[in-house]
PDB file of N, CA and C in Angstrom:
ATOM      1  N   MET A   1      14.528  20.369  85.969  1.00  0.00           N
ATOM      2  CA  MET A   1      15.947  20.524  85.945  1.00  0.00           C
ATOM      3  C   MET A   1      16.365  20.042  84.513  1.00  0.00           C
ATOM      4  N   THR A   2      17.129  20.904  83.815  1.00  0.00           N
ATOM      5  CA  THR A   2      17.441  20.499  82.435  1.00  0.00           C
ATOM      6  C   THR A   2      18.894  19.657  82.733  1.00  0.00           C
ATOM      7  N   LYS A   3      19.160  19.008  81.534  1.00  0.00           N
ATOM      8  CA  LYS A   3      20.280  18.073  81.603  1.00  0.00           C
ATOM      9  C   LYS A   3      21.560  18.913  81.986  1.00  0.00           C
ATOM     10  N   LYS A   4      21.623  20.094  81.437  1.00  0.00           N
ATOM     11  CA  LYS A   4      22.800  21.066  81.560  1.00  0.00           C
ATOM     12  C   LYS A   4      22.782  21.426  83.030  1.00  0.00           C
ATOM     13  N   ASP A   5      21.693  21.739  83.700  1.00  0.00           N
ATOM     14  CA  ASP A   5      21.577  22.107  85.072  1.00  0.00           C
ATOM     15  C   ASP A   5      21.981  20.850  85.959  1.00  0.00           C
ATOM     16  N   PHE A   6      21.537  19.647  85.597  1.00  0.00           N
ATOM     17  CA  PHE A   6      21.916  18.395  86.271  1.00  0.00           C
ATOM     18  C   PHE A   6      23.452  18.329  86.271  1.00  0.00           C
ATOM     19  N   GLU A   7      24.096  18.498  85.087  1.00  0.00           N
ATOM     20  CA  GLU A   7      25.505  18.338  85.035  1.00  0.00           C
ATOM     21  C   GLU A   7      26.191  19.300  85.794  1.00  0.00           C
ATOM     22  N   ARG A   8      25.636  20.609  85.733  1.00  0.00           N
ATOM     23  CA  ARG A   8      26.335  21.698  86.674  1.00  0.00           C
ATOM     24  C   ARG A   8      26.178  21.359  88.120  1.00  0.00           C
ATOM     25  N   PHE A   9      24.980  20.792  88.471  1.00  0.00           N
ATOM     26  CA  PHE A   9      24.761  20.258  89.823  1.00  0.00           C
ATOM     27  C   PHE A   9      25.712  19.213  90.279  1.00  0.00           C
ATOM     28  N   LEU A  10      26.027  18.244  89.469  1.00  0.00           N
ATOM     29  CA  LEU A  10      26.987  17.256  89.738  1.00  0.00           C
ATOM     30  C   LEU A  10      28.424  17.811  89.815  1.00  0.00           C
ATOM     31  N   LEU A  11      28.696  18.736  88.975  1.00  0.00           N
ATOM     32  CA  LEU A  11      30.047  19.414  89.058  1.00  0.00           C
ATOM     33  C   LEU A  11      30.246  20.080  90.309  1.00  0.00           C
ATOM     34  N   LYS A  12      29.201  20.810  90.842  1.00  0.00           N
ATOM     35  CA  LYS A  12      29.318  21.560  92.109  1.00  0.00           C
ATOM     36  C   LYS A  12      29.536  20.563  93.207  1.00  0.00           C
ATOM     37  N   ILE A  13      28.784  19.427  93.211  1.00  0.00           N
ATOM     38  CA  ILE A  13      29.060  18.320  94.158  1.00  0.00           C
ATOM     39  C   ILE A  13      30.421  17.826  94.213  1.00  0.00           C
ATOM     40  N   GLU A  14      30.955  17.605  93.067  1.00  0.00           N
ATOM     41  CA  GLU A  14      32.329  17.167  92.855  1.00  0.00           C
ATOM     42  C   GLU A  14      33.350  18.221  93.447  1.00  0.00           C
ATOM     43  N   ASN A  15      33.070  19.585  93.246  1.00  0.00           N
ATOM     44  CA  ASN A  15      33.832  20.588  93.721  1.00  0.00           C
ATOM     45  C   ASN A  15      33.820  20.763  95.197  1.00  0.00           C
ATOM     46  N   LEU A  16      32.572  20.597  95.632  1.00  0.00           N
ATOM     47  CA  LEU A  16      32.412  20.612  97.176  1.00  0.00           C
ATOM     48  C   LEU A  16      33.128  19.474  97.859  1.00  0.00           C
ATOM     49  N   ASN A  17      33.025  18.176  97.340  1.00  0.00           N
ATOM     50  CA  ASN A  17      33.729  17.128  97.914  1.00  0.00           C
ATOM     51  C   ASN A  17      35.286  17.330  97.902  1.00  0.00           C
ATOM     52  N   LYS A  18      35.754  17.849  96.719  1.00  0.00           N
ATOM     53  CA  LYS A  18      37.216  18.094  96.618  1.00  0.00           C
ATOM     54  C   LYS A  18      37.617  19.219  97.667  1.00  0.00           C
ATOM     55  N   LEU A  19      36.746  20.222  97.907  1.00  0.00           N
ATOM     56  CA  LEU A  19      37.125  21.250  98.818  1.00  0.00           C
ATOM     57  C   LEU A  19      37.168  20.773 100.239  1.00  0.00           C
ATOM     58  N   VAL A  20      36.090  19.824 100.597  1.00  0.00           N
ATOM     59  CA  VAL A  20      36.174  19.269 101.937  1.00  0.00           C
ATOM     60  C   VAL A  20      37.436  18.374 102.025  1.00  0.00           C
ATOM     61  N   ASP A  21      37.912  17.609 101.034  1.00  0.00           N
ATOM     62  CA  ASP A  21      39.046  16.931 101.244  1.00  0.00           C
ATOM     63  C   ASP A  21      40.321  17.829 101.422  1.00  0.00           C
ATOM     64  N   LEU A  22      40.422  18.873 100.710  1.00  0.00           N
ATOM     65  CA  LEU A  22      41.420  19.863 100.860  1.00  0.00           C
ATOM     66  C   LEU A  22      41.548  20.346 102.304  1.00  0.00           C
ATOM     67  N   ILE A  23      40.294  20.824 102.793  1.00  0.00           N
ATOM     68  CA  ILE A  23      40.271  21.411 104.135  1.00  0.00           C
ATOM     69  C   ILE A  23      40.522  20.379 105.194  1.00  0.00           C
ATOM     70  N   LYS A  24      40.213  19.086 105.069  1.00  0.00           N
ATOM     71  CA  LYS A  24      40.535  18.117 105.964  1.00  0.00           C
ATOM     72  C   LYS A  24      42.062  17.745 105.978  1.00  0.00           C
ATOM     73  N   ALA A  25      42.664  18.044 104.853  1.00  0.00           N
ATOM     74  CA  ALA A  25      44.136  17.688 104.724  1.00  0.00           C
ATOM     75  C   ALA A  25      44.976  18.849 105.168  1.00  0.00           C
ATOM     76  N   SER A  26      44.498  20.048 105.369  1.00  0.00           N
ATOM     77  CA  SER A  26      45.312  21.190 105.662  1.00  0.00           C
ATOM     78  C   SER A  26      44.695  21.958 106.825  1.00  0.00           C
ATOM     79  N   PRO A  27      45.388  21.955 107.973  1.00  0.00           N
ATOM     80  CA  PRO A  27      44.846  22.605 109.055  1.00  0.00           C
ATOM     81  C   PRO A  27      44.899  24.194 108.952  1.00  0.00           C
ATOM     82  N   GLU A  28      45.867  24.721 108.037  1.00  0.00           N
ATOM     83  CA  GLU A  28      45.817  26.086 107.715  1.00  0.00           C
ATOM     84  C   GLU A  28      44.536  26.473 107.056  1.00  0.00           C
ATOM     85  N   LYS A  29      44.223  25.633 105.976  1.00  0.00           N
ATOM     86  CA  LYS A  29      43.086  25.825 105.229  1.00  0.00           C
ATOM     87  C   LYS A  29      41.798  25.810 106.086  1.00  0.00           C
ATOM     88  N   TYR A  30      41.763  24.820 106.933  1.00  0.00           N
ATOM     89  CA  TYR A  30      40.645  24.636 107.802  1.00  0.00           C
ATOM     90  C   TYR A  30      40.347  25.825 108.625  1.00  0.00           C
ATOM     91  N   GLU A  31      41.553  26.419 109.205  1.00  0.00           N
ATOM     92  CA  GLU A  31      41.455  27.650 110.036  1.00  0.00           C
ATOM     93  C   GLU A  31      40.829  28.905 109.147  1.00  0.00           C
ATOM     94  N   LEU A  32      41.349  29.067 107.978  1.00  0.00           N
ATOM     95  CA  LEU A  32      40.893  30.093 107.229  1.00  0.00           C
ATOM     96  C   LEU A  32      39.398  29.879 106.891  1.00  0.00           C
ATOM     97  N   PHE A  33      39.067  28.682 106.708  1.00  0.00           N
ATOM     98  CA  PHE A  33      37.580  28.288 106.315  1.00  0.00           C
ATOM     99  C   PHE A  33      36.557  28.601 107.409  1.00  0.00           C
ATOM    100  N   ILE A  34      37.008  28.098 108.687  1.00  0.00           N
ATOM    101  CA  ILE A  34      36.049  28.399 109.660  1.00  0.00           C
ATOM    102  C   ILE A  34      36.021  29.796 110.154  1.00  0.00           C
ATOM    103  N   LYS A  35      36.884  30.642 109.782  1.00  0.00           N
ATOM    104  CA  LYS A  35      36.876  32.064 110.082  1.00  0.00           C
ATOM    105  C   LYS A  35      35.930  32.831 109.188  1.00  0.00           C
ATOM    106  N   CYS A  36      35.453  32.269 108.118  1.00  0.00           N
ATOM    107  CA  CYS A  36      34.438  32.944 107.223  1.00  0.00           C
ATOM    108  C   CYS A  36      33.150  33.166 108.002  1.00  0.00           C
ATOM    109  N   LYS A  37      32.648  34.356 107.717  1.00  0.00           N
ATOM    110  CA  LYS A  37      31.379  34.833 108.465  1.00  0.00           C
ATOM    111  C   LYS A  37      30.148  34.895 107.636  1.00  0.00           C
ATOM    112  N   SER A  38      30.447  34.654 106.238  1.00  0.00           N
ATOM    113  CA  SER A  38      29.175  34.629 105.346  1.00  0.00           C
ATOM    114  C   SER A  38      29.390  33.551 104.358  1.00  0.00           C
ATOM    115  N   HIS A  39      28.327  33.279 103.683  1.00  0.00           N
ATOM    116  CA  HIS A  39      28.347  32.417 102.492  1.00  0.00           C
ATOM    117  C   HIS A  39      29.255  33.026 101.440  1.00  0.00           C
ATOM    118  N   GLN A  40      29.222  34.261 101.214  1.00  0.00           N
ATOM    119  CA  GLN A  40      30.014  34.805 100.180  1.00  0.00           C
ATOM    120  C   GLN A  40      31.521  34.729 100.524  1.00  0.00           C
ATOM    121  N   GLU A  41      31.879  34.780 101.676  1.00  0.00           N
ATOM    122  CA  GLU A  41      33.311  34.621 102.138  1.00  0.00           C
ATOM    123  C   GLU A  41      33.688  33.117 101.814  1.00  0.00           C
ATOM    124  N   VAL A  42      32.884  32.239 102.001  1.00  0.00           N
ATOM    125  CA  VAL A  42      33.156  30.833 101.771  1.00  0.00           C
ATOM    126  C   VAL A  42      33.338  30.759 100.304  1.00  0.00           C
ATOM    127  N   VAL A  43      32.426  31.143  99.515  1.00  0.00           N
ATOM    128  CA  VAL A  43      32.448  31.157  98.080  1.00  0.00           C
ATOM    129  C   VAL A  43      33.728  31.768  97.396  1.00  0.00           C
ATOM    130  N   ASP A  44      34.116  32.937  98.029  1.00  0.00           N
ATOM    131  CA  ASP A  44      35.373  33.665  97.634  1.00  0.00           C
ATOM    132  C   ASP A  44      36.501  32.966  97.948  1.00  0.00           C
ATOM    133  N   LEU A  45      36.682  32.492  99.206  1.00  0.00           N
ATOM    134  CA  LEU A  45      37.801  31.563  99.602  1.00  0.00           C
ATOM    135  C   LEU A  45      38.009  30.247  98.691  1.00  0.00           C
ATOM    136  N   ALA A  46      36.946  29.600  98.498  1.00  0.00           N
ATOM    137  CA  ALA A  46      36.977  28.494  97.683  1.00  0.00           C
ATOM    138  C   ALA A  46      37.406  28.791  96.334  1.00  0.00           C
ATOM    139  N   SER A  47      36.984  29.967  95.774  1.00  0.00           N
ATOM    140  CA  SER A  47      37.383  30.387  94.492  1.00  0.00           C
ATOM    141  C   SER A  47      38.948  30.553  94.357  1.00  0.00           C
ATOM    142  N   GLN A  48      39.403  31.174  95.334  1.00  0.00           N
ATOM    143  CA  GLN A  48      41.049  31.380  95.522  1.00  0.00           C
ATOM    144  C   GLN A  48      41.666  29.998  95.439  1.00  0.00           C
ATOM    145  N   TRP A  49      40.943  29.125  95.852  1.00  0.00           N
ATOM    146  CA  TRP A  49      41.700  27.739  95.856  1.00  0.00           C
ATOM    147  C   TRP A  49      41.271  26.950  94.661  1.00  0.00           C
ATOM    148  N   GLY A  50      40.531  27.549  93.695  1.00  0.00           N
ATOM    149  CA  GLY A  50      40.335  26.888  92.397  1.00  0.00           C
ATOM    150  C   GLY A  50      38.946  26.189  92.326  1.00  0.00           C
ATOM    151  N   PHE A  51      38.080  26.340  93.254  1.00  0.00           N
ATOM    152  CA  PHE A  51      36.688  25.690  93.232  1.00  0.00           C
ATOM    153  C   PHE A  51      35.642  26.649  93.006  1.00  0.00           C
ATOM    154  N   ASP A  52      34.574  26.303  91.954  1.00  0.00           N
ATOM    155  CA  ASP A  52      33.625  27.185  91.756  1.00  0.00           C
ATOM    156  C   ASP A  52      32.368  26.590  92.423  1.00  0.00           C
ATOM    157  N   ILE A  53      31.919  27.099  93.554  1.00  0.00           N
ATOM    158  CA  ILE A  53      30.813  26.628  94.317  1.00  0.00           C
ATOM    159  C   ILE A  53      29.770  27.686  94.581  1.00  0.00           C
ATOM    160  N   GLY A  54      29.770  28.740  93.828  1.00  0.00           N
ATOM    161  CA  GLY A  54      29.024  29.858  94.053  1.00  0.00           C
ATOM    162  C   GLY A  54      27.590  29.836  93.590  1.00  0.00           C
ATOM    163  N   LYS A  55      27.464  29.208  92.303  1.00  0.00           N
ATOM    164  CA  LYS A  55      26.132  29.281  91.574  1.00  0.00           C
ATOM    165  C   LYS A  55      25.265  28.102  91.959  1.00  0.00           C
ATOM    166  N   ARG A  56      24.032  28.359  92.072  1.00  0.00           N
ATOM    167  CA  ARG A  56      23.012  27.218  92.381  1.00  0.00           C
ATOM    168  C   ARG A  56      22.804  26.618  90.983  1.00  0.00           C
ATOM    169  N   TRP A  57      22.225  25.480  90.944  1.00  0.00           N
ATOM    170  CA  TRP A  57      22.059  24.680  89.720  1.00  0.00           C
ATOM    171  C   TRP A  57      21.106  25.321  88.803  1.00  0.00           C
ATOM    172  N   GLY A  58      20.202  26.292  89.103  1.00  0.00           N
ATOM    173  CA  GLY A  58      19.355  26.994  88.172  1.00  0.00           C
ATOM    174  C   GLY A  58      19.772  28.318  87.753  1.00  0.00           C
ATOM    175  N   GLU A  59      20.974  28.775  88.272  1.00  0.00           N
ATOM    176  CA  GLU A  59      21.379  30.020  87.892  1.00  0.00           C
ATOM    177  C   GLU A  59      22.447  29.995  86.681  1.00  0.00           C
ATOM    178  N   SER A  60      22.316  31.121  85.908  1.00  0.00           N
ATOM    179  CA  SER A  60      23.200  31.214  84.659  1.00  0.00           C
ATOM    180  C   SER A  60      24.564  31.516  85.086  1.00  0.00           C
TER     181      SER A  60
END
């Protein structure tokens, strides 16, 4: 893992933690989140809310 990949990994964890906090604080967002049927739907929904969680640490 390169330093850049590590930094991207940490940023993804930070985004995931913020996403979890948002979902916990909003019953409406929770309902939208649990209705997702695929990983891509989760990624797309999170993106609509301003979170970038789609790329794995080794991807460009």
